[in-house]
N, C-alpha and C. Protein backbone atom coordinates (compact mmCIF):
# COMPACT_ATOMS: atom_id res chain seq x y z
N MET A 1 132.22 82.96 86.03
CA MET A 1 132.45 84.17 85.27
C MET A 1 131.89 83.99 83.86
N ALA A 2 131.13 85.01 83.43
CA ALA A 2 130.56 84.99 82.09
C ALA A 2 131.26 86.03 81.22
N LYS A 3 131.28 85.73 79.93
CA LYS A 3 131.78 86.70 78.95
C LYS A 3 130.56 87.42 78.38
N ILE A 4 130.51 88.72 78.62
CA ILE A 4 129.34 89.51 78.22
C ILE A 4 129.74 90.49 77.13
N LEU A 5 128.95 90.52 76.05
CA LEU A 5 129.11 91.52 75.01
C LEU A 5 128.07 92.61 75.26
N LEU A 6 128.55 93.83 75.35
CA LEU A 6 127.68 94.99 75.59
C LEU A 6 127.82 95.92 74.39
N LEU A 7 126.79 95.94 73.53
CA LEU A 7 126.78 96.76 72.33
C LEU A 7 125.87 97.96 72.55
N TYR A 8 126.27 99.12 72.05
CA TYR A 8 125.47 100.32 72.28
C TYR A 8 125.39 101.21 71.05
N ALA A 9 124.28 101.92 70.95
CA ALA A 9 124.10 102.98 69.96
C ALA A 9 123.72 104.22 70.76
N THR A 10 124.56 105.24 70.68
CA THR A 10 124.33 106.45 71.46
C THR A 10 124.24 107.65 70.52
N THR A 11 123.47 108.65 70.93
CA THR A 11 123.34 109.86 70.12
C THR A 11 124.20 110.97 70.71
N ASP A 12 124.04 111.21 72.01
CA ASP A 12 124.77 112.30 72.67
C ASP A 12 125.72 111.81 73.77
N GLY A 13 125.88 110.49 73.91
CA GLY A 13 126.84 109.95 74.86
C GLY A 13 126.27 109.36 76.14
N GLN A 14 125.00 109.59 76.44
CA GLN A 14 124.45 109.09 77.71
C GLN A 14 124.32 107.57 77.70
N THR A 15 123.97 106.99 76.57
CA THR A 15 123.88 105.53 76.50
C THR A 15 125.25 104.91 76.74
N LEU A 16 126.30 105.50 76.21
CA LEU A 16 127.65 105.02 76.47
C LEU A 16 127.97 105.13 77.96
N ARG A 17 127.64 106.24 78.59
CA ARG A 17 127.88 106.38 80.04
C ARG A 17 127.15 105.30 80.83
N ILE A 18 125.92 105.01 80.44
CA ILE A 18 125.15 103.95 81.11
C ILE A 18 125.83 102.60 80.88
N CYS A 19 126.29 102.34 79.66
CA CYS A 19 127.00 101.08 79.37
C CYS A 19 128.28 100.96 80.19
N GLN A 20 129.00 102.04 80.33
CA GLN A 20 130.22 102.00 81.14
C GLN A 20 129.89 101.66 82.58
N ARG A 21 128.80 102.18 83.09
CA ARG A 21 128.38 101.86 84.47
C ARG A 21 127.96 100.39 84.56
N LEU A 22 127.21 99.91 83.56
CA LEU A 22 126.82 98.50 83.54
C LEU A 22 128.05 97.60 83.48
N GLN A 23 129.05 98.01 82.71
CA GLN A 23 130.29 97.26 82.62
C GLN A 23 130.96 97.18 83.99
N GLN A 24 131.03 98.30 84.70
CA GLN A 24 131.64 98.31 86.04
C GLN A 24 130.90 97.36 86.98
N VAL A 25 129.58 97.41 86.95
CA VAL A 25 128.79 96.55 87.84
C VAL A 25 129.01 95.09 87.48
N ALA A 26 128.92 94.75 86.20
CA ALA A 26 129.07 93.35 85.78
C ALA A 26 130.48 92.84 86.08
N GLU A 27 131.49 93.68 85.87
CA GLU A 27 132.87 93.26 86.17
C GLU A 27 133.07 93.09 87.67
N SER A 28 132.41 93.91 88.47
CA SER A 28 132.53 93.77 89.93
C SER A 28 131.88 92.47 90.40
N GLN A 29 131.01 91.90 89.56
CA GLN A 29 130.37 90.62 89.87
C GLN A 29 131.18 89.44 89.32
N GLY A 30 132.37 89.73 88.76
CA GLY A 30 133.26 88.68 88.28
C GLY A 30 133.14 88.34 86.81
N ASN A 31 132.42 89.15 86.05
CA ASN A 31 132.25 88.90 84.62
C ASN A 31 133.31 89.62 83.81
N GLU A 32 133.51 89.14 82.60
CA GLU A 32 134.40 89.80 81.64
C GLU A 32 133.49 90.48 80.62
N VAL A 33 133.61 91.79 80.48
CA VAL A 33 132.70 92.56 79.62
C VAL A 33 133.48 93.20 78.47
N THR A 34 132.96 93.01 77.25
CA THR A 34 133.47 93.69 76.07
C THR A 34 132.44 94.73 75.67
N LEU A 35 132.86 95.99 75.64
CA LEU A 35 131.98 97.10 75.31
C LEU A 35 132.33 97.62 73.92
N LEU A 36 131.34 97.61 73.01
CA LEU A 36 131.59 98.02 71.63
C LEU A 36 130.43 98.87 71.10
N PRO A 37 130.74 99.84 70.22
CA PRO A 37 129.66 100.58 69.56
C PRO A 37 128.95 99.67 68.56
N LEU A 38 127.66 99.86 68.44
CA LEU A 38 126.85 99.00 67.58
C LEU A 38 127.27 99.07 66.11
N GLN A 39 127.89 100.16 65.69
CA GLN A 39 128.31 100.24 64.29
C GLN A 39 129.37 99.18 63.95
N ASP A 40 129.99 98.57 64.96
CA ASP A 40 130.99 97.52 64.72
C ASP A 40 130.38 96.12 64.67
N TRP A 41 129.06 96.00 64.73
CA TRP A 41 128.44 94.69 64.91
C TRP A 41 128.76 93.69 63.81
N LYS A 42 128.96 94.12 62.59
CA LYS A 42 129.19 93.16 61.51
C LYS A 42 130.52 92.43 61.64
N SER A 43 131.47 93.04 62.35
CA SER A 43 132.78 92.42 62.52
C SER A 43 132.92 91.64 63.83
N VAL A 44 131.83 91.53 64.58
CA VAL A 44 131.88 90.87 65.88
C VAL A 44 131.42 89.42 65.78
N ASP A 45 132.26 88.51 66.26
CA ASP A 45 131.90 87.11 66.36
C ASP A 45 131.18 86.93 67.69
N LEU A 46 129.93 86.55 67.67
CA LEU A 46 129.15 86.41 68.90
C LEU A 46 129.41 85.09 69.63
N ALA A 47 130.01 84.13 68.95
CA ALA A 47 130.20 82.80 69.52
C ALA A 47 130.91 82.79 70.88
N PRO A 48 131.99 83.57 71.09
CA PRO A 48 132.70 83.48 72.37
C PRO A 48 131.94 84.07 73.57
N PHE A 49 130.85 84.78 73.31
CA PHE A 49 130.16 85.45 74.40
C PHE A 49 129.05 84.59 74.98
N ASP A 50 128.94 84.62 76.30
CA ASP A 50 127.90 83.88 77.00
C ASP A 50 126.58 84.65 77.04
N LYS A 51 126.68 85.98 77.06
CA LYS A 51 125.50 86.85 77.16
C LYS A 51 125.69 88.05 76.24
N ILE A 52 124.57 88.55 75.71
CA ILE A 52 124.61 89.70 74.81
C ILE A 52 123.64 90.75 75.32
N VAL A 53 124.14 91.97 75.47
CA VAL A 53 123.32 93.08 75.96
C VAL A 53 123.37 94.20 74.93
N LEU A 54 122.21 94.72 74.56
CA LEU A 54 122.11 95.82 73.62
C LEU A 54 121.50 97.03 74.32
N GLY A 55 122.08 98.18 74.09
CA GLY A 55 121.52 99.43 74.61
C GLY A 55 121.48 100.46 73.52
N ALA A 56 120.37 101.21 73.45
CA ALA A 56 120.24 102.20 72.38
C ALA A 56 119.43 103.40 72.85
N SER A 57 119.81 104.55 72.33
CA SER A 57 119.10 105.78 72.65
C SER A 57 118.02 106.05 71.61
N ILE A 58 117.15 106.95 71.96
CA ILE A 58 116.09 107.42 71.08
C ILE A 58 116.41 108.85 70.67
N ARG A 59 116.22 109.14 69.39
CA ARG A 59 116.27 110.53 68.92
C ARG A 59 115.10 110.69 67.97
N TYR A 60 114.28 111.66 68.26
CA TYR A 60 113.07 111.94 67.46
C TYR A 60 112.20 110.70 67.29
N GLY A 61 112.05 109.96 68.37
CA GLY A 61 111.13 108.83 68.39
C GLY A 61 111.62 107.54 67.80
N LYS A 62 112.91 107.45 67.48
CA LYS A 62 113.41 106.22 66.84
C LYS A 62 114.74 105.76 67.44
N HIS A 63 114.87 104.43 67.51
CA HIS A 63 116.17 103.85 67.82
C HIS A 63 117.00 103.86 66.53
N SER A 64 118.28 103.68 66.67
CA SER A 64 119.18 103.62 65.53
C SER A 64 118.77 102.49 64.59
N PRO A 65 118.79 102.73 63.29
CA PRO A 65 118.53 101.64 62.33
C PRO A 65 119.53 100.48 62.51
N LEU A 66 120.73 100.78 63.00
CA LEU A 66 121.71 99.72 63.26
C LEU A 66 121.19 98.69 64.26
N LEU A 67 120.41 99.15 65.23
CA LEU A 67 119.84 98.24 66.24
C LEU A 67 118.91 97.24 65.57
N HIS A 68 118.04 97.74 64.72
CA HIS A 68 117.10 96.86 64.03
C HIS A 68 117.85 95.89 63.11
N ASP A 69 118.87 96.39 62.41
CA ASP A 69 119.67 95.53 61.53
C ASP A 69 120.34 94.41 62.32
N PHE A 70 120.93 94.77 63.46
CA PHE A 70 121.61 93.78 64.28
C PHE A 70 120.65 92.69 64.73
N VAL A 71 119.51 93.10 65.28
CA VAL A 71 118.55 92.12 65.79
C VAL A 71 118.05 91.23 64.66
N GLN A 72 117.78 91.81 63.51
CA GLN A 72 117.30 91.03 62.37
C GLN A 72 118.36 90.03 61.90
N GLN A 73 119.60 90.48 61.78
CA GLN A 73 120.67 89.63 61.24
C GLN A 73 121.17 88.58 62.25
N ARG A 74 121.10 88.90 63.52
CA ARG A 74 121.67 88.01 64.55
C ARG A 74 120.60 87.42 65.46
N ARG A 75 119.39 87.41 64.97
CA ARG A 75 118.25 86.96 65.78
C ARG A 75 118.44 85.53 66.33
N ALA A 76 118.92 84.63 65.52
CA ALA A 76 119.08 83.23 65.96
C ALA A 76 120.01 83.15 67.16
N VAL A 77 121.10 83.89 67.11
CA VAL A 77 122.05 83.88 68.23
C VAL A 77 121.41 84.51 69.46
N LEU A 78 120.71 85.63 69.26
CA LEU A 78 120.06 86.31 70.39
C LEU A 78 119.03 85.42 71.08
N GLU A 79 118.40 84.55 70.32
CA GLU A 79 117.38 83.68 70.90
C GLU A 79 117.97 82.44 71.57
N HIS A 80 119.26 82.17 71.34
CA HIS A 80 119.87 80.98 71.94
C HIS A 80 120.85 81.29 73.07
N LYS A 81 121.09 82.57 73.30
CA LYS A 81 121.96 82.98 74.39
C LYS A 81 121.17 83.92 75.30
N PRO A 82 121.54 83.97 76.57
CA PRO A 82 120.90 84.98 77.43
C PRO A 82 121.16 86.37 76.84
N SER A 83 120.10 87.15 76.72
CA SER A 83 120.24 88.47 76.13
C SER A 83 119.39 89.49 76.88
N ALA A 84 119.80 90.74 76.73
CA ALA A 84 119.10 91.84 77.39
C ALA A 84 119.08 93.05 76.47
N PHE A 85 118.10 93.91 76.70
CA PHE A 85 117.98 95.14 75.93
C PHE A 85 117.56 96.26 76.86
N PHE A 86 118.14 97.44 76.63
CA PHE A 86 117.66 98.63 77.32
C PHE A 86 117.62 99.81 76.36
N SER A 87 116.66 100.67 76.61
CA SER A 87 116.47 101.88 75.81
C SER A 87 116.71 103.08 76.70
N VAL A 88 117.30 104.12 76.13
CA VAL A 88 117.54 105.37 76.84
C VAL A 88 116.75 106.46 76.13
N ASN A 89 115.82 107.06 76.86
CA ASN A 89 115.01 108.12 76.27
C ASN A 89 114.50 109.07 77.34
N VAL A 90 114.26 110.29 76.95
CA VAL A 90 113.85 111.33 77.90
C VAL A 90 112.39 111.14 78.33
N VAL A 91 111.59 110.46 77.51
CA VAL A 91 110.21 110.17 77.89
C VAL A 91 110.18 109.38 79.20
N ALA A 92 111.20 108.56 79.42
CA ALA A 92 111.27 107.73 80.63
C ALA A 92 111.49 108.55 81.90
N ARG A 93 111.62 109.86 81.79
CA ARG A 93 111.69 110.70 82.99
C ARG A 93 110.35 110.71 83.71
N LYS A 94 109.30 110.35 83.00
CA LYS A 94 107.95 110.33 83.56
C LYS A 94 107.69 108.96 84.18
N PRO A 95 107.25 108.94 85.43
CA PRO A 95 107.04 107.66 86.12
C PRO A 95 106.12 106.69 85.37
N GLU A 96 105.15 107.21 84.67
CA GLU A 96 104.21 106.33 83.95
C GLU A 96 104.80 105.78 82.65
N LYS A 97 106.03 106.18 82.31
CA LYS A 97 106.66 105.68 81.07
C LYS A 97 108.08 105.20 81.30
N ASN A 98 108.41 104.84 82.54
CA ASN A 98 109.80 104.46 82.84
C ASN A 98 110.01 102.97 83.07
N GLN A 99 109.07 102.16 82.63
CA GLN A 99 109.21 100.71 82.72
C GLN A 99 109.11 100.12 81.31
N PRO A 100 109.75 98.98 81.06
CA PRO A 100 109.68 98.40 79.71
C PRO A 100 108.24 98.18 79.22
N ASN A 101 107.34 97.83 80.12
CA ASN A 101 105.96 97.55 79.70
C ASN A 101 105.10 98.81 79.60
N THR A 102 105.68 99.98 79.90
CA THR A 102 104.92 101.24 79.78
C THR A 102 105.62 102.25 78.88
N ASN A 103 106.82 101.94 78.44
CA ASN A 103 107.56 102.88 77.61
C ASN A 103 107.21 102.65 76.14
N PRO A 104 106.69 103.66 75.45
CA PRO A 104 106.23 103.45 74.07
C PRO A 104 107.35 103.03 73.12
N TYR A 105 108.57 103.48 73.35
CA TYR A 105 109.66 103.14 72.44
C TYR A 105 110.10 101.70 72.60
N VAL A 106 110.13 101.21 73.83
CA VAL A 106 110.48 99.80 74.07
C VAL A 106 109.40 98.90 73.50
N LEU A 107 108.14 99.24 73.77
CA LEU A 107 107.03 98.43 73.26
C LEU A 107 107.04 98.37 71.73
N LYS A 108 107.27 99.50 71.09
CA LYS A 108 107.31 99.56 69.62
C LYS A 108 108.48 98.73 69.08
N PHE A 109 109.64 98.85 69.72
CA PHE A 109 110.82 98.09 69.28
C PHE A 109 110.58 96.59 69.39
N LEU A 110 110.05 96.15 70.54
CA LEU A 110 109.83 94.72 70.75
C LEU A 110 108.78 94.17 69.77
N LYS A 111 107.75 94.96 69.52
CA LYS A 111 106.72 94.52 68.56
C LYS A 111 107.31 94.42 67.16
N ARG A 112 108.10 95.41 66.79
CA ARG A 112 108.67 95.44 65.44
C ARG A 112 109.67 94.31 65.22
N THR A 113 110.51 94.03 66.21
CA THR A 113 111.56 93.02 66.04
C THR A 113 111.11 91.61 66.42
N ARG A 114 110.10 91.51 67.24
CA ARG A 114 109.62 90.23 67.77
C ARG A 114 110.70 89.49 68.57
N TRP A 115 111.70 90.22 69.01
CA TRP A 115 112.75 89.66 69.86
C TRP A 115 112.26 89.71 71.30
N GLN A 116 112.57 88.68 72.06
CA GLN A 116 112.16 88.63 73.46
C GLN A 116 113.39 88.43 74.35
N PRO A 117 114.07 89.53 74.67
CA PRO A 117 115.24 89.42 75.55
C PRO A 117 114.82 88.93 76.94
N GLN A 118 115.75 88.28 77.62
CA GLN A 118 115.45 87.82 78.98
C GLN A 118 115.30 88.97 79.96
N GLN A 119 116.08 90.01 79.76
CA GLN A 119 116.02 91.17 80.65
C GLN A 119 115.77 92.42 79.82
N LEU A 120 114.94 93.30 80.35
CA LEU A 120 114.62 94.56 79.70
C LEU A 120 114.71 95.69 80.70
N ALA A 121 115.10 96.86 80.21
CA ALA A 121 115.11 98.05 81.07
C ALA A 121 114.93 99.28 80.19
N VAL A 122 114.50 100.34 80.83
CA VAL A 122 114.43 101.64 80.17
C VAL A 122 114.97 102.65 81.17
N PHE A 123 115.81 103.53 80.67
CA PHE A 123 116.40 104.56 81.53
C PHE A 123 116.14 105.93 80.94
N ALA A 124 115.84 106.86 81.80
CA ALA A 124 115.70 108.24 81.35
C ALA A 124 117.09 108.76 80.98
N GLY A 125 117.14 109.56 79.96
CA GLY A 125 118.42 110.04 79.47
C GLY A 125 118.82 111.40 80.01
N LYS A 126 119.41 112.18 79.15
CA LYS A 126 119.98 113.47 79.53
C LYS A 126 119.80 114.43 78.36
N ILE A 127 119.51 115.68 78.69
CA ILE A 127 119.47 116.73 77.68
C ILE A 127 120.55 117.73 78.06
N GLU A 128 121.45 117.95 77.14
CA GLU A 128 122.52 118.91 77.35
C GLU A 128 122.41 119.95 76.23
N TYR A 129 121.51 120.91 76.46
CA TYR A 129 121.20 121.90 75.42
C TYR A 129 122.43 122.60 74.84
N PRO A 130 123.39 123.04 75.66
CA PRO A 130 124.53 123.76 75.07
C PRO A 130 125.34 122.95 74.06
N LYS A 131 125.31 121.63 74.15
CA LYS A 131 126.08 120.80 73.22
C LYS A 131 125.32 120.44 71.95
N LEU A 132 124.04 120.81 71.89
CA LEU A 132 123.22 120.48 70.73
C LEU A 132 123.39 121.52 69.63
N GLY A 133 123.25 121.09 68.40
CA GLY A 133 123.22 122.03 67.29
C GLY A 133 121.95 122.86 67.35
N VAL A 134 121.91 123.91 66.58
CA VAL A 134 120.77 124.84 66.63
C VAL A 134 119.45 124.13 66.35
N LEU A 135 119.38 123.33 65.30
CA LEU A 135 118.14 122.66 64.94
C LEU A 135 117.71 121.67 66.02
N ASP A 136 118.64 120.81 66.46
CA ASP A 136 118.31 119.86 67.52
C ASP A 136 117.85 120.57 68.78
N ARG A 137 118.55 121.63 69.15
CA ARG A 137 118.19 122.38 70.37
C ARG A 137 116.75 122.88 70.27
N GLN A 138 116.41 123.48 69.14
CA GLN A 138 115.06 124.02 68.97
C GLN A 138 114.01 122.91 68.95
N MET A 139 114.30 121.83 68.25
CA MET A 139 113.34 120.71 68.17
C MET A 139 113.13 120.08 69.54
N ILE A 140 114.21 119.84 70.25
CA ILE A 140 114.08 119.21 71.56
C ILE A 140 113.42 120.16 72.56
N ARG A 141 113.73 121.43 72.49
CA ARG A 141 113.05 122.41 73.36
C ARG A 141 111.54 122.39 73.08
N PHE A 142 111.17 122.32 71.82
CA PHE A 142 109.75 122.28 71.47
C PHE A 142 109.10 121.01 72.04
N ILE A 143 109.76 119.87 71.84
CA ILE A 143 109.23 118.61 72.37
C ILE A 143 109.11 118.70 73.89
N MET A 144 110.10 119.27 74.55
CA MET A 144 110.05 119.41 76.01
C MET A 144 108.93 120.37 76.43
N TRP A 145 108.74 121.44 75.67
CA TRP A 145 107.65 122.37 75.99
C TRP A 145 106.30 121.66 75.90
N VAL A 146 106.10 120.87 74.85
CA VAL A 146 104.85 120.14 74.66
C VAL A 146 104.65 119.12 75.78
N THR A 147 105.74 118.46 76.21
CA THR A 147 105.63 117.40 77.22
C THR A 147 105.93 117.89 78.64
N LYS A 148 105.96 119.21 78.80
CA LYS A 148 106.17 119.84 80.11
C LYS A 148 107.52 119.48 80.74
N GLY A 149 108.55 119.45 79.91
CA GLY A 149 109.91 119.20 80.37
C GLY A 149 110.70 120.49 80.40
N PRO A 150 111.98 120.41 80.76
CA PRO A 150 112.82 121.61 80.85
C PRO A 150 113.16 122.17 79.47
N THR A 151 113.11 123.49 79.35
CA THR A 151 113.34 124.13 78.06
C THR A 151 114.45 125.18 78.09
N ASP A 152 115.11 125.37 79.21
CA ASP A 152 116.18 126.38 79.30
C ASP A 152 117.32 126.01 78.35
N PRO A 153 117.55 126.80 77.29
CA PRO A 153 118.56 126.43 76.29
C PRO A 153 119.99 126.47 76.81
N THR A 154 120.21 126.97 78.01
CA THR A 154 121.56 126.99 78.58
C THR A 154 121.76 125.86 79.59
N GLY A 155 120.71 125.06 79.80
CA GLY A 155 120.76 124.05 80.87
C GLY A 155 121.14 122.66 80.42
N THR A 156 121.59 121.89 81.40
CA THR A 156 121.85 120.47 81.25
C THR A 156 120.96 119.75 82.25
N PHE A 157 120.23 118.76 81.78
CA PHE A 157 119.26 118.07 82.63
C PHE A 157 119.47 116.57 82.52
N GLU A 158 119.94 115.98 83.59
CA GLU A 158 120.16 114.53 83.61
C GLU A 158 119.04 113.88 84.40
N PHE A 159 118.38 112.92 83.77
CA PHE A 159 117.24 112.24 84.38
C PHE A 159 117.56 110.79 84.75
N THR A 160 118.75 110.32 84.43
CA THR A 160 119.12 108.91 84.64
C THR A 160 119.13 108.56 86.13
N ASP A 161 118.45 107.48 86.45
CA ASP A 161 118.42 106.95 87.81
C ASP A 161 119.54 105.89 87.89
N TRP A 162 120.68 106.30 88.45
CA TRP A 162 121.86 105.43 88.45
C TRP A 162 121.69 104.21 89.34
N ALA A 163 120.84 104.28 90.34
CA ALA A 163 120.56 103.09 91.17
C ALA A 163 119.84 102.03 90.33
N ARG A 164 118.96 102.45 89.44
CA ARG A 164 118.29 101.51 88.55
C ARG A 164 119.28 100.92 87.55
N VAL A 165 120.22 101.72 87.09
CA VAL A 165 121.26 101.22 86.19
C VAL A 165 122.08 100.14 86.91
N ASP A 166 122.47 100.42 88.15
CA ASP A 166 123.23 99.44 88.93
C ASP A 166 122.44 98.14 89.12
N ALA A 167 121.15 98.26 89.40
CA ALA A 167 120.31 97.08 89.59
C ALA A 167 120.24 96.26 88.29
N PHE A 168 120.14 96.95 87.15
CA PHE A 168 120.11 96.25 85.87
C PHE A 168 121.45 95.55 85.60
N GLY A 169 122.54 96.18 86.00
CA GLY A 169 123.86 95.54 85.87
C GLY A 169 123.91 94.22 86.63
N LYS A 170 123.30 94.19 87.80
CA LYS A 170 123.25 92.95 88.59
C LYS A 170 122.34 91.92 87.93
N GLU A 171 121.22 92.40 87.35
CA GLU A 171 120.32 91.48 86.64
C GLU A 171 121.03 90.83 85.45
N ILE A 172 121.81 91.62 84.74
CA ILE A 172 122.58 91.08 83.61
C ILE A 172 123.57 90.04 84.10
N SER A 173 124.23 90.33 85.20
CA SER A 173 125.20 89.38 85.76
C SER A 173 124.53 88.08 86.17
N ASP A 174 123.31 88.17 86.69
CA ASP A 174 122.59 86.98 87.16
C ASP A 174 121.82 86.24 86.06
N MET A 175 121.73 86.86 84.90
CA MET A 175 120.94 86.30 83.81
C MET A 175 121.51 84.95 83.40
N GLY A 176 120.63 83.95 83.32
CA GLY A 176 121.10 82.60 83.00
C GLY A 176 120.65 82.14 81.63
N GLY A 177 121.10 80.98 81.30
CA GLY A 177 120.78 80.41 79.99
C GLY A 177 119.55 79.58 79.98
C-alpha cells in the first residue's frame, strides 16, 4: 500500500471530479489517497507521501499559477519520489491533441517547468455553458466556434473519457520509485 498525495487545481469542477475518480481507482488498488486543492500546497508536508500526483485544468490557455509555484518550490521532492501530472482541457477532445506528447498545454507546461513526471496524462474536460458567467460563456463560445466545437449556450458538453481516467488511476497505483 502506498500513500498518495493527489493535488488539484480546478476551474469549473471537472478536474476535481477526475481526481475523485482517480482516488477511487487508487484506493481500490489498496492505496491510501489524500486529495487536496492545490491552494493548500504550502501547508502540506510531502515527506509522508510515497507518490505525488498533480492535476490542473486550463482556462484561456493557461494552467493555474499555483501549479507552476508548486513545481518550482517542491521540485526536489518531485524528482525524488514517483510523481505524475495530468492536464484537463477541452482541446483534448480532439484525437490529435489528446495525448501528453501532442497536447500543446502539456508540452508547454513541461518545457516551462522542466519537470519530468513518471506518468503523464491529458483528459478532455467539460463545458457547462449555463453555469458560466456572461463573459466566460461568450469567450468560450467564440473559442469553440473557431475550433469547431459546441456553441449552444444552453448546453452542457462533457468530453472526458472515463475509461482513460480509470487506466491512469491504475498507472498511478503501479508507479514505482
